[in-house]
């Protein structure tokens, strides 16, 4: 993963990066965490960024291992949440071949596997196996490719936010974008981010030594996708995938 990028964006992380915790209105992620929490258990927050999930994790577990590629993110998290004394901060690149992390009873990975690089994602998923003890559980959320396609179809068919979507794309740019989409790399603010099919996520977890036990849609309002969504546009809405996986 591009450490330089995440170090650069860290000071503005709260404004620039989509806040899954805030937008999970039905609290599906928090409910799943509560189910597997325990005062004798350890938990790893993989890709913790500036620590937005620490207020949820720290009171519920014996110890939290907060892992992020950015040392700046970790320093910000320490300053934001000094009251949580059971948090251990660890700078690590989950897509690095020599990365070593401790195994915990439970783990969360909230929209952290976004790199458009297939090689980096492959290593990241392999690294997940080292984070969770045998028969332990992990919650992963990722952007949904199905949702991205739905958003694209809705925008095109009903010409929503036309000023923000070019009518025509230059041929070279279109070819590049198509090559990216074939890999599930869809643009967010003109930057390719990996989006996942549900079945693709099942396969990736299986290869990493996990079984996907349950899936949920973390649904959001259409205002997260469009500047001015029409009043009639309500359900179905856009979503991320949340999966609860068990380590074999």
C-alpha atoms as a PDB file:
ATOM      1  CA  UNK A   1       0.000   0.000   0.000  1.00  0.00           C
ATOM      2  CA  UNK A   2       1.069   3.593  -0.535  1.00  0.00           C
ATOM      3  CA  UNK A   3       2.275   4.686   2.880  1.00  0.00           C
ATOM      4  CA  UNK A   4       3.227   8.153   1.611  1.00  0.00           C
ATOM      5  CA  UNK A   5      -0.383   8.777   0.513  1.00  0.00           C
ATOM      6  CA  UNK A   6      -1.831   7.803   3.895  1.00  0.00           C
ATOM      7  CA  UNK A   7       0.757   9.825   5.811  1.00  0.00           C
ATOM      8  CA  UNK A   8      -0.145  12.846   3.698  1.00  0.00           C
ATOM      9  CA  UNK A   9      -3.902  12.489   4.125  1.00  0.00           C
ATOM     10  CA  UNK A  10      -3.783  11.663   7.855  1.00  0.00           C
ATOM     11  CA  UNK A  11      -4.218  15.242   9.196  1.00  0.00           C
ATOM     12  CA  UNK A  12      -7.439  15.649   7.195  1.00  0.00           C
ATOM     13  CA  UNK A  13      -8.614  12.031   7.572  1.00  0.00           C
ATOM     14  CA  UNK A  14     -11.793  12.961   9.459  1.00  0.00           C
ATOM     15  CA  UNK A  15     -12.916  15.262   6.646  1.00  0.00           C
ATOM     16  CA  UNK A  16     -11.653  13.348   3.612  1.00  0.00           C
ATOM     17  CA  UNK A  17     -12.490   9.701   4.345  1.00  0.00           C
ATOM     18  CA  UNK A  18     -15.995   8.253   4.478  1.00  0.00           C
ATOM     19  CA  UNK A  19     -17.062   7.571   8.088  1.00  0.00           C
ATOM     20  CA  UNK A  20     -18.584   4.068   8.203  1.00  0.00           C
ATOM     21  CA  UNK A  21     -19.248   4.294  11.959  1.00  0.00           C
ATOM     22  CA  UNK A  22     -21.322   7.450  11.567  1.00  0.00           C
ATOM     23  CA  UNK A  23     -23.286   6.134   8.583  1.00  0.00           C
ATOM     24  CA  UNK A  24     -24.027   2.652   9.959  1.00  0.00           C
ATOM     25  CA  UNK A  25     -27.449   3.844  11.120  1.00  0.00           C
ATOM     26  CA  UNK A  26     -28.731   0.358  11.975  1.00  0.00           C
ATOM     27  CA  UNK A  27     -25.573  -0.359  14.011  1.00  0.00           C
ATOM     28  CA  UNK A  28     -24.979  -3.713  12.322  1.00  0.00           C
ATOM     29  CA  UNK A  29     -21.219  -3.502  12.839  1.00  0.00           C
ATOM     30  CA  UNK A  30     -21.500  -2.473  16.491  1.00  0.00           C
ATOM     31  CA  UNK A  31     -24.009  -5.265  17.136  1.00  0.00           C
ATOM     32  CA  UNK A  32     -21.660  -7.840  15.612  1.00  0.00           C
ATOM     33  CA  UNK A  33     -18.749  -6.533  17.687  1.00  0.00           C
ATOM     34  CA  UNK A  34     -20.871  -6.783  20.848  1.00  0.00           C
ATOM     35  CA  UNK A  35     -21.708 -10.398  20.017  1.00  0.00           C
ATOM     36  CA  UNK A  36     -18.039 -11.445  19.974  1.00  0.00           C
ATOM     37  CA  UNK A  37     -16.682  -9.060  22.616  1.00  0.00           C
ATOM     38  CA  UNK A  38     -15.340 -10.142  25.994  1.00  0.00           C
ATOM     39  CA  UNK A  39     -13.268  -8.711  28.829  1.00  0.00           C
ATOM     40  CA  UNK A  40     -10.814 -11.609  28.480  1.00  0.00           C
ATOM     41  CA  UNK A  41     -10.468 -11.272  24.728  1.00  0.00           C
ATOM     42  CA  UNK A  42      -8.061  -9.349  22.522  1.00  0.00           C
ATOM     43  CA  UNK A  43      -9.145  -7.520  19.378  1.00  0.00           C
ATOM     44  CA  UNK A  44      -7.224  -6.095  16.443  1.00  0.00           C
ATOM     45  CA  UNK A  45      -8.409  -3.007  14.575  1.00  0.00           C
ATOM     46  CA  UNK A  46      -6.832  -3.533  11.149  1.00  0.00           C
ATOM     47  CA  UNK A  47      -6.416  -0.230   9.346  1.00  0.00           C
ATOM     48  CA  UNK A  48      -7.506   1.719  12.416  1.00  0.00           C
ATOM     49  CA  UNK A  49      -6.598   5.113  10.876  1.00  0.00           C
ATOM     50  CA  UNK A  50      -7.272   7.845  13.471  1.00  0.00           C
ATOM     51  CA  UNK A  51      -9.037   5.434  15.809  1.00  0.00           C
ATOM     52  CA  UNK A  52     -12.723   6.113  15.281  1.00  0.00           C
ATOM     53  CA  UNK A  53     -13.615   2.584  16.401  1.00  0.00           C
ATOM     54  CA  UNK A  54     -11.551   2.693  19.602  1.00  0.00           C
ATOM     55  CA  UNK A  55     -14.465   4.042  21.717  1.00  0.00           C
ATOM     56  CA  UNK A  56     -16.429   0.960  20.622  1.00  0.00           C
ATOM     57  CA  UNK A  57     -13.638  -1.597  20.980  1.00  0.00           C
ATOM     58  CA  UNK A  58     -11.655  -0.491  24.039  1.00  0.00           C
ATOM     59  CA  UNK A  59     -14.452  -0.787  26.672  1.00  0.00           C
ATOM     60  CA  UNK A  60     -15.529  -4.178  25.284  1.00  0.00           C
ATOM     61  CA  UNK A  61     -12.191  -6.043  25.165  1.00  0.00           C
ATOM     62  CA  UNK A  62      -9.220  -6.759  27.410  1.00  0.00           C
ATOM     63  CA  UNK A  63      -6.769  -5.318  24.872  1.00  0.00           C
ATOM     64  CA  UNK A  64      -6.969  -3.569  21.511  1.00  0.00           C
ATOM     65  CA  UNK A  65      -4.155  -3.815  18.965  1.00  0.00           C
ATOM     66  CA  UNK A  66      -4.603  -0.783  16.704  1.00  0.00           C
ATOM     67  CA  UNK A  67      -2.782  -1.361  13.408  1.00  0.00           C
ATOM     68  CA  UNK A  68      -2.268   1.154  10.628  1.00  0.00           C
ATOM     69  CA  UNK A  69       0.188   1.827   7.816  1.00  0.00           C
ATOM     70  CA  UNK A  70       0.446   5.499   8.788  1.00  0.00           C
ATOM     71  CA  UNK A  71       2.440   6.517  11.865  1.00  0.00           C
ATOM     72  CA  UNK A  72       0.769   9.937  11.627  1.00  0.00           C
ATOM     73  CA  UNK A  73      -2.665   8.318  11.892  1.00  0.00           C
ATOM     74  CA  UNK A  74      -1.545   6.414  14.980  1.00  0.00           C
ATOM     75  CA  UNK A  75      -0.189   9.548  16.635  1.00  0.00           C
ATOM     76  CA  UNK A  76      -3.474  11.331  15.992  1.00  0.00           C
ATOM     77  CA  UNK A  77      -5.405   8.393  17.465  1.00  0.00           C
ATOM     78  CA  UNK A  78      -3.247   8.478  20.615  1.00  0.00           C
ATOM     79  CA  UNK A  79      -3.980  12.179  21.075  1.00  0.00           C
ATOM     80  CA  UNK A  80      -7.700  11.802  20.389  1.00  0.00           C
ATOM     81  CA  UNK A  81      -8.226   8.882  22.794  1.00  0.00           C
ATOM     82  CA  UNK A  82      -5.700   9.085  25.659  1.00  0.00           C
ATOM     83  CA  UNK A  83      -8.274   7.650  28.082  1.00  0.00           C
ATOM     84  CA  UNK A  84      -8.085   4.172  26.518  1.00  0.00           C
ATOM     85  CA  UNK A  85      -5.129   2.621  28.331  1.00  0.00           C
ATOM     86  CA  UNK A  86      -5.648  -0.886  26.939  1.00  0.00           C
ATOM     87  CA  UNK A  87      -4.771   0.104  23.358  1.00  0.00           C
ATOM     88  CA  UNK A  88      -1.464  -0.982  21.822  1.00  0.00           C
ATOM     89  CA  UNK A  89      -0.503   0.920  18.669  1.00  0.00           C
ATOM     90  CA  UNK A  90       1.360  -0.885  15.898  1.00  0.00           C
ATOM     91  CA  UNK A  91       2.519   0.571  12.591  1.00  0.00           C
ATOM     92  CA  UNK A  92       2.395  -2.148   9.964  1.00  0.00           C
ATOM     93  CA  UNK A  93       1.706  -2.529   6.254  1.00  0.00           C
ATOM     94  CA  UNK A  94      -0.724  -5.413   5.853  1.00  0.00           C
ATOM     95  CA  UNK A  95       0.256  -5.690   2.199  1.00  0.00           C
ATOM     96  CA  UNK A  96       3.938  -6.017   3.059  1.00  0.00           C
ATOM     97  CA  UNK A  97       5.406  -9.470   2.566  1.00  0.00           C
ATOM     98  CA  UNK A  98       7.428  -9.419   5.816  1.00  0.00           C
ATOM     99  CA  UNK A  99       4.755  -7.875   8.038  1.00  0.00           C
ATOM    100  CA  UNK A 100       4.333  -9.551  11.420  1.00  0.00           C
ATOM    101  CA  UNK A 101       1.373  -8.975  13.742  1.00  0.00           C
ATOM    102  CA  UNK A 102       0.148 -10.767  16.870  1.00  0.00           C
ATOM    103  CA  UNK A 103      -2.842 -13.124  16.640  1.00  0.00           C
ATOM    104  CA  UNK A 104      -5.958 -11.906  18.465  1.00  0.00           C
ATOM    105  CA  UNK A 105      -9.237 -13.510  19.458  1.00  0.00           C
ATOM    106  CA  UNK A 106     -11.189 -11.161  17.218  1.00  0.00           C
ATOM    107  CA  UNK A 107     -10.514  -8.561  14.523  1.00  0.00           C
ATOM    108  CA  UNK A 108     -12.247  -5.793  12.633  1.00  0.00           C
ATOM    109  CA  UNK A 109     -11.169  -4.447   9.254  1.00  0.00           C
ATOM    110  CA  UNK A 110     -13.373  -1.524   8.262  1.00  0.00           C
ATOM    111  CA  UNK A 111     -12.959  -0.439   4.620  1.00  0.00           C
ATOM    112  CA  UNK A 112      -9.193  -0.882   4.760  1.00  0.00           C
ATOM    113  CA  UNK A 113      -8.580  -3.215   1.796  1.00  0.00           C
ATOM    114  CA  UNK A 114      -8.997  -0.582  -0.904  1.00  0.00           C
ATOM    115  CA  UNK A 115      -5.735  -0.775  -2.843  1.00  0.00           C
ATOM    116  CA  UNK A 116      -6.242  -1.205  -6.609  1.00  0.00           C
ATOM    117  CA  UNK A 117      -3.148  -3.420  -6.730  1.00  0.00           C
ATOM    118  CA  UNK A 118      -4.011  -7.123  -7.039  1.00  0.00           C
ATOM    119  CA  UNK A 119      -0.598  -8.105  -5.653  1.00  0.00           C
ATOM    120  CA  UNK A 120      -1.020  -5.899  -2.582  1.00  0.00           C
ATOM    121  CA  UNK A 121      -4.568  -7.144  -1.968  1.00  0.00           C
ATOM    122  CA  UNK A 122      -3.441 -10.755  -2.244  1.00  0.00           C
ATOM    123  CA  UNK A 123      -0.786 -10.206   0.421  1.00  0.00           C
ATOM    124  CA  UNK A 124      -3.275  -8.246   2.566  1.00  0.00           C
ATOM    125  CA  UNK A 125      -5.745 -11.137   2.618  1.00  0.00           C
ATOM    126  CA  UNK A 126      -2.942 -13.573   3.385  1.00  0.00           C
ATOM    127  CA  UNK A 127      -1.894 -11.331   6.276  1.00  0.00           C
ATOM    128  CA  UNK A 128      -5.429 -11.393   7.700  1.00  0.00           C
ATOM    129  CA  UNK A 129      -4.947 -15.036   8.575  1.00  0.00           C
ATOM    130  CA  UNK A 130      -2.108 -14.109  10.954  1.00  0.00           C
ATOM    131  CA  UNK A 131      -4.316 -11.590  12.782  1.00  0.00           C
ATOM    132  CA  UNK A 132      -6.922 -14.023  14.117  1.00  0.00           C
ATOM    133  CA  UNK A 133      -6.519 -17.110  16.265  1.00  0.00           C
ATOM    134  CA  UNK A 134      -7.945 -20.453  15.178  1.00  0.00           C
ATOM    135  CA  UNK A 135     -11.754 -20.458  15.425  1.00  0.00           C
ATOM    136  CA  UNK A 136     -11.682 -16.714  16.077  1.00  0.00           C
ATOM    137  CA  UNK A 137     -13.902 -14.291  14.166  1.00  0.00           C
ATOM    138  CA  UNK A 138     -13.349 -11.204  12.074  1.00  0.00           C
ATOM    139  CA  UNK A 139     -15.629  -8.478  10.740  1.00  0.00           C
ATOM    140  CA  UNK A 140     -14.726  -6.985   7.360  1.00  0.00           C
ATOM    141  CA  UNK A 141     -16.481  -4.179   5.537  1.00  0.00           C
ATOM    142  CA  UNK A 142     -15.645  -3.300   1.938  1.00  0.00           C
ATOM    143  CA  UNK A 143     -17.157  -1.117  -0.796  1.00  0.00           C
ATOM    144  CA  UNK A 144     -19.702  -3.026  -2.854  1.00  0.00           C
ATOM    145  CA  UNK A 145     -19.155  -3.300  -6.599  1.00  0.00           C
ATOM    146  CA  UNK A 146     -22.849  -4.135  -7.044  1.00  0.00           C
ATOM    147  CA  UNK A 147     -23.711  -0.882  -5.277  1.00  0.00           C
ATOM    148  CA  UNK A 148     -21.295   1.100  -7.441  1.00  0.00           C
ATOM    149  CA  UNK A 149     -22.909  -0.356 -10.581  1.00  0.00           C
ATOM    150  CA  UNK A 150     -26.390   0.460  -9.291  1.00  0.00           C
ATOM    151  CA  UNK A 151     -25.305   4.040  -8.606  1.00  0.00           C
ATOM    152  CA  UNK A 152     -23.832   4.322 -12.111  1.00  0.00           C
ATOM    153  CA  UNK A 153     -27.021   2.998 -13.733  1.00  0.00           C
ATOM    154  CA  UNK A 154     -29.275   5.286 -11.677  1.00  0.00           C
ATOM    155  CA  UNK A 155     -27.105   8.314 -12.470  1.00  0.00           C
ATOM    156  CA  UNK A 156     -27.032   7.540 -16.191  1.00  0.00           C
ATOM    157  CA  UNK A 157     -30.725   6.686 -16.607  1.00  0.00           C
ATOM    158  CA  UNK A 158     -32.062   9.690 -14.702  1.00  0.00           C
ATOM    159  CA  UNK A 159     -29.252  12.162 -15.452  1.00  0.00           C
ATOM    160  CA  UNK A 160     -28.631  12.952 -11.794  1.00  0.00           C
ATOM    161  CA  UNK A 161     -25.896  15.499 -11.002  1.00  0.00           C
ATOM    162  CA  UNK A 162     -25.165  15.909 -14.700  1.00  0.00           C
ATOM    163  CA  UNK A 163     -22.690  18.726 -14.054  1.00  0.00           C
ATOM    164  CA  UNK A 164     -20.513  16.337 -12.057  1.00  0.00           C
ATOM    165  CA  UNK A 165     -20.577  13.476 -14.585  1.00  0.00           C
ATOM    166  CA  UNK A 166     -19.076  14.112 -18.045  1.00  0.00           C
ATOM    167  CA  UNK A 167     -21.344  13.239 -20.968  1.00  0.00           C
ATOM    168  CA  UNK A 168     -18.417  11.826 -22.906  1.00  0.00           C
ATOM    169  CA  UNK A 169     -15.144  10.310 -21.770  1.00  0.00           C
ATOM    170  CA  UNK A 170     -12.019  10.441 -23.970  1.00  0.00           C
ATOM    171  CA  UNK A 171     -11.300   7.066 -25.562  1.00  0.00           C
ATOM    172  CA  UNK A 172      -7.972   6.455 -23.785  1.00  0.00           C
ATOM    173  CA  UNK A 173      -9.494   7.355 -20.419  1.00  0.00           C
ATOM    174  CA  UNK A 174     -12.523   5.157 -21.102  1.00  0.00           C
ATOM    175  CA  UNK A 175     -10.318   2.161 -21.943  1.00  0.00           C
ATOM    176  CA  UNK A 176      -8.332   2.631 -18.736  1.00  0.00           C
ATOM    177  CA  UNK A 177     -11.498   2.954 -16.663  1.00  0.00           C
ATOM    178  CA  UNK A 178     -12.893  -0.217 -18.266  1.00  0.00           C
ATOM    179  CA  UNK A 179      -9.699  -2.109 -17.449  1.00  0.00           C
ATOM    180  CA  UNK A 180     -10.041  -0.952 -13.855  1.00  0.00           C
ATOM    181  CA  UNK A 181     -13.722  -1.909 -13.607  1.00  0.00           C
ATOM    182  CA  UNK A 182     -12.919  -5.438 -14.830  1.00  0.00           C
ATOM    183  CA  UNK A 183     -10.805  -5.743 -11.680  1.00  0.00           C
ATOM    184  CA  UNK A 184     -13.405  -4.073  -9.478  1.00  0.00           C
ATOM    185  CA  UNK A 185     -11.407  -0.845  -9.217  1.00  0.00           C
ATOM    186  CA  UNK A 186     -13.967   1.952  -9.380  1.00  0.00           C
ATOM    187  CA  UNK A 187     -13.158   5.627  -8.970  1.00  0.00           C
ATOM    188  CA  UNK A 188     -13.896   7.542  -5.783  1.00  0.00           C
ATOM    189  CA  UNK A 189     -13.085  11.210  -6.358  1.00  0.00           C
ATOM    190  CA  UNK A 190     -11.144  10.199  -9.487  1.00  0.00           C
ATOM    191  CA  UNK A 191      -8.941   7.772  -7.533  1.00  0.00           C
ATOM    192  CA  UNK A 192      -9.346   3.993  -8.167  1.00  0.00           C
ATOM    193  CA  UNK A 193     -10.493   2.082  -5.077  1.00  0.00           C
ATOM    194  CA  UNK A 194     -11.157  -1.636  -4.951  1.00  0.00           C
ATOM    195  CA  UNK A 195     -14.855  -2.587  -4.786  1.00  0.00           C
ATOM    196  CA  UNK A 196     -15.967  -6.188  -4.168  1.00  0.00           C
ATOM    197  CA  UNK A 197     -18.655  -8.573  -5.302  1.00  0.00           C
ATOM    198  CA  UNK A 198     -20.203 -10.613  -2.505  1.00  0.00           C
ATOM    199  CA  UNK A 199     -19.160 -13.915  -4.069  1.00  0.00           C
ATOM    200  CA  UNK A 200     -15.671 -12.573  -4.774  1.00  0.00           C
ATOM    201  CA  UNK A 201     -15.271 -11.744  -1.087  1.00  0.00           C
ATOM    202  CA  UNK A 202     -16.342 -15.279  -0.168  1.00  0.00           C
ATOM    203  CA  UNK A 203     -13.639 -16.728  -2.427  1.00  0.00           C
ATOM    204  CA  UNK A 204     -10.931 -14.399  -1.107  1.00  0.00           C
ATOM    205  CA  UNK A 205     -11.728 -15.229   2.506  1.00  0.00           C
ATOM    206  CA  UNK A 206     -11.771 -18.957   1.732  1.00  0.00           C
ATOM    207  CA  UNK A 207      -8.298 -18.740   0.209  1.00  0.00           C
ATOM    208  CA  UNK A 208      -7.108 -16.861   3.320  1.00  0.00           C
ATOM    209  CA  UNK A 209      -8.318 -19.644   5.629  1.00  0.00           C
ATOM    210  CA  UNK A 210     -11.695 -18.215   6.663  1.00  0.00           C
ATOM    211  CA  UNK A 211     -15.298 -19.192   6.109  1.00  0.00           C
ATOM    212  CA  UNK A 212     -17.792 -16.384   5.527  1.00  0.00           C
ATOM    213  CA  UNK A 213     -20.596 -17.040   8.008  1.00  0.00           C
ATOM    214  CA  UNK A 214     -22.878 -14.080   7.288  1.00  0.00           C
ATOM    215  CA  UNK A 215     -23.251 -11.060   5.033  1.00  0.00           C
ATOM    216  CA  UNK A 216     -25.104  -7.807   5.595  1.00  0.00           C
ATOM    217  CA  UNK A 217     -25.568  -4.646   3.605  1.00  0.00           C
ATOM    218  CA  UNK A 218     -24.433  -1.530   5.477  1.00  0.00           C
ATOM    219  CA  UNK A 219     -26.872   0.816   3.741  1.00  0.00           C
ATOM    220  CA  UNK A 220     -26.357   4.542   3.279  1.00  0.00           C
ATOM    221  CA  UNK A 221     -28.411   7.486   2.088  1.00  0.00           C
ATOM    222  CA  UNK A 222     -28.223   8.511  -1.574  1.00  0.00           C
ATOM    223  CA  UNK A 223     -26.675  11.789  -0.440  1.00  0.00           C
ATOM    224  CA  UNK A 224     -23.449   9.830   0.011  1.00  0.00           C
ATOM    225  CA  UNK A 225     -23.378   9.261  -3.774  1.00  0.00           C
ATOM    226  CA  UNK A 226     -25.062  12.323  -5.284  1.00  0.00           C
ATOM    227  CA  UNK A 227     -24.997  16.039  -4.532  1.00  0.00           C
ATOM    228  CA  UNK A 228     -28.728  16.392  -5.215  1.00  0.00           C
ATOM    229  CA  UNK A 229     -30.544  13.051  -5.333  1.00  0.00           C
ATOM    230  CA  UNK A 230     -34.194  13.402  -6.416  1.00  0.00           C
ATOM    231  CA  UNK A 231     -36.822  13.116  -3.660  1.00  0.00           C
ATOM    232  CA  UNK A 232     -38.251   9.906  -5.164  1.00  0.00           C
ATOM    233  CA  UNK A 233     -34.884   8.127  -4.948  1.00  0.00           C
ATOM    234  CA  UNK A 234     -35.015   6.242  -1.654  1.00  0.00           C
ATOM    235  CA  UNK A 235     -34.874   2.447  -1.648  1.00  0.00           C
ATOM    236  CA  UNK A 236     -32.886   0.486  -2.512  1.00  0.00           C
ATOM    237  CA  UNK A 237     -29.965   2.631  -1.447  1.00  0.00           C
ATOM    238  CA  UNK A 238     -26.200   2.293  -1.848  1.00  0.00           C
ATOM    239  CA  UNK A 239     -24.322  -0.012   0.488  1.00  0.00           C
ATOM    240  CA  UNK A 240     -21.044  -1.554   1.636  1.00  0.00           C
ATOM    241  CA  UNK A 241     -20.678  -5.266   2.303  1.00  0.00           C
ATOM    242  CA  UNK A 242     -20.165  -6.436   5.861  1.00  0.00           C
ATOM    243  CA  UNK A 243     -19.074 -10.040   6.382  1.00  0.00           C
ATOM    244  CA  UNK A 244     -18.519 -11.993   9.579  1.00  0.00           C
ATOM    245  CA  UNK A 245     -15.841 -14.612   8.922  1.00  0.00           C
ATOM    246  CA  UNK A 246     -14.516 -17.439  11.084  1.00  0.00           C
ATOM    247  CA  UNK A 247     -10.883 -18.588  11.044  1.00  0.00           C
ATOM    248  CA  UNK A 248     -10.630 -22.290  10.280  1.00  0.00           C
END
